[in-house]
Protein backbone atom coordinates (compact mmCIF):
# COMPACT_ATOMS: atom_id res chain seq x y z
CA UNK A 1 0.38 -0.10 0.10
CA UNK A 2 1.44 3.21 -0.62
CA UNK A 3 1.16 5.99 1.55
CA UNK A 4 1.71 9.96 1.97
CA UNK A 5 3.22 12.12 5.43
CA UNK A 6 -0.15 14.69 5.43
CA UNK A 7 0.49 17.37 7.94
CA UNK A 8 -1.22 17.26 11.21
CA UNK A 9 -2.88 20.80 11.42
CA UNK A 10 -4.96 22.35 13.95
CA UNK A 11 -6.90 25.01 14.64
CA UNK A 12 -4.51 28.05 14.98
CA UNK A 13 -2.32 26.24 11.83
CA UNK A 14 -6.42 26.88 9.87
CA UNK A 15 -6.30 30.84 11.53
CA UNK A 16 -3.23 31.17 9.76
CA UNK A 17 -3.94 30.31 6.35
CA UNK A 18 -6.85 32.50 6.75
CA UNK A 19 -4.86 35.40 7.26
CA UNK A 20 -2.54 33.56 4.92
CA UNK A 21 -5.63 34.15 2.27
CA UNK A 22 -5.23 30.31 1.68
CA UNK A 23 -8.99 28.72 1.19
CA UNK A 24 -8.54 24.77 3.36
CA UNK A 25 -12.02 23.53 4.38
CA UNK A 26 -12.03 19.91 5.80
CA UNK A 27 -14.08 16.67 5.05
CA UNK A 28 -13.60 13.70 6.79
CA UNK A 29 -10.65 15.11 8.81
CA UNK A 30 -8.98 15.82 5.66
CA UNK A 31 -7.67 18.91 5.21
CA UNK A 32 -7.09 20.14 1.90
CA UNK A 33 -6.26 23.63 -0.01
CA UNK A 34 -8.43 24.73 -2.56
CA UNK A 35 -7.06 28.36 -3.15
CA UNK A 36 -6.31 27.72 -6.51
CA UNK A 37 -9.54 25.52 -7.54
CA UNK A 38 -11.31 28.52 -9.18
CA UNK A 39 -13.08 26.42 -12.09
CA UNK A 40 -15.37 24.53 -9.22
CA UNK A 41 -17.96 24.54 -10.59
CA UNK A 42 -20.87 25.35 -7.76
CA UNK A 43 -17.85 28.40 -8.07
CA UNK A 44 -15.30 29.50 -6.07
CA UNK A 45 -17.07 31.74 -3.46
CA UNK A 46 -18.82 28.60 -2.12
CA UNK A 47 -15.50 27.38 -0.62
CA UNK A 48 -15.67 31.13 0.89
CA UNK A 49 -18.28 30.45 3.01
CA UNK A 50 -17.27 26.73 4.67
CA UNK A 51 -12.93 28.21 5.05
CA UNK A 52 -11.02 26.57 7.92
CA UNK A 53 -14.37 24.47 8.18
CA UNK A 54 -16.08 21.61 8.08
CA UNK A 55 -17.77 20.41 5.71
CA UNK A 56 -18.24 16.52 4.84
CA UNK A 57 -22.35 17.44 5.65
CA UNK A 58 -22.54 19.93 2.51
CA UNK A 59 -19.93 17.88 0.32
CA UNK A 60 -22.09 14.51 0.96
CA UNK A 61 -25.23 16.62 0.03
CA UNK A 62 -24.15 17.66 -3.10
CA UNK A 63 -22.85 14.56 -4.07
CA UNK A 64 -19.72 14.30 -6.09
CA UNK A 65 -19.06 12.82 -9.12
CA UNK A 66 -15.82 9.92 -8.90
CA UNK A 67 -13.46 11.80 -11.16
CA UNK A 68 -14.50 14.77 -8.52
CA UNK A 69 -13.65 12.65 -5.72
CA UNK A 70 -10.04 12.05 -7.92
CA UNK A 71 -9.64 15.95 -8.09
CA UNK A 72 -9.77 16.35 -4.60
CA UNK A 73 -7.14 14.11 -4.46
CA UNK A 74 -4.48 16.66 -5.88
CA UNK A 75 -5.37 19.49 -3.14
CA UNK A 76 -5.18 17.18 0.17
CA UNK A 77 -2.05 18.83 2.52
CA UNK A 78 -3.32 16.94 6.08
CA UNK A 79 -4.89 15.53 7.76
CA UNK A 80 -6.94 17.35 11.42
CA UNK A 81 -5.57 17.59 15.17
CA UNK A 82 -6.75 15.30 17.35
CA UNK A 83 -9.73 14.49 15.39
CA UNK A 84 -10.80 10.40 15.29
CA UNK A 85 -9.09 10.41 12.04
CA UNK A 86 -5.88 11.21 14.03
CA UNK A 87 -6.58 9.17 16.57
CA UNK A 88 -6.79 5.75 14.03
CA UNK A 89 -3.36 7.20 12.92
CA UNK A 90 -1.18 9.09 15.61
CA UNK A 91 0.79 5.54 16.21
CA UNK A 92 2.72 7.00 13.11
CA UNK A 93 2.65 9.80 14.32
CA UNK A 94 6.03 11.46 13.20
CA UNK A 95 7.36 15.18 14.13
CA UNK A 96 10.76 17.31 11.74
CA UNK A 97 10.90 20.25 14.40
CA UNK A 98 7.19 21.67 15.31
CA UNK A 99 5.99 20.41 12.52
CA UNK A 100 4.12 17.50 13.25
CA UNK A 101 2.81 14.48 10.97
CA UNK A 102 1.18 11.37 10.45
CA UNK A 103 0.89 8.19 7.27
CA UNK A 104 -1.56 8.31 5.32
CA UNK A 105 -2.96 5.29 2.96
CA UNK A 106 -3.71 6.47 0.19
CA UNK A 107 -6.24 4.26 -0.20
CA UNK A 108 -8.37 5.03 2.53
CA UNK A 109 -9.80 7.88 0.16
CA UNK A 110 -13.10 6.29 -0.33
CA UNK A 111 -14.37 6.27 -4.37
CA UNK A 112 -18.63 6.46 -4.74
CA UNK A 113 -20.54 7.14 -6.84
CA UNK A 114 -22.80 10.12 -5.71
CA UNK A 115 -26.69 8.10 -4.83
CA UNK A 116 -28.93 7.90 -7.05
CA UNK A 117 -31.90 10.21 -7.03
CA UNK A 118 -35.60 8.26 -8.80
CA UNK A 119 -37.19 12.18 -10.15
CA UNK A 120 -40.58 11.23 -10.29
CA UNK A 121 -42.02 11.63 -14.20
CA UNK A 122 -43.79 14.06 -14.00
CA UNK A 123 -40.83 16.60 -12.43
CA UNK A 124 -38.57 14.93 -15.01
CA UNK A 125 -37.22 18.24 -17.28
CA UNK A 126 -37.49 17.49 -21.24
């Protein structure tokens, strides 16, 4: 299994990123820097509303494609400190100077098709 060393990111670090005009969001305890993702189909402004926050529910509610989930891997920068995922992987913790890292197995990122919604025939647009 291939793994990546992910930086452990706490609330103080998220605040620092915000002050540096970086836009980071959290999905399933993983931190993504989406500052450069201007081509987001829902518009870049949606990220501004969620900067530094957990967006797991909103991400799941929209229902993103497998391609969108694969694209997310390009923006993965860290793991949220003291989150359940952090606790699960903290035995792989290393520290380099003042920066903490966790080994994270890339295959753990689930790639599922969004749920299909059955739309009644009377509502369908033709």
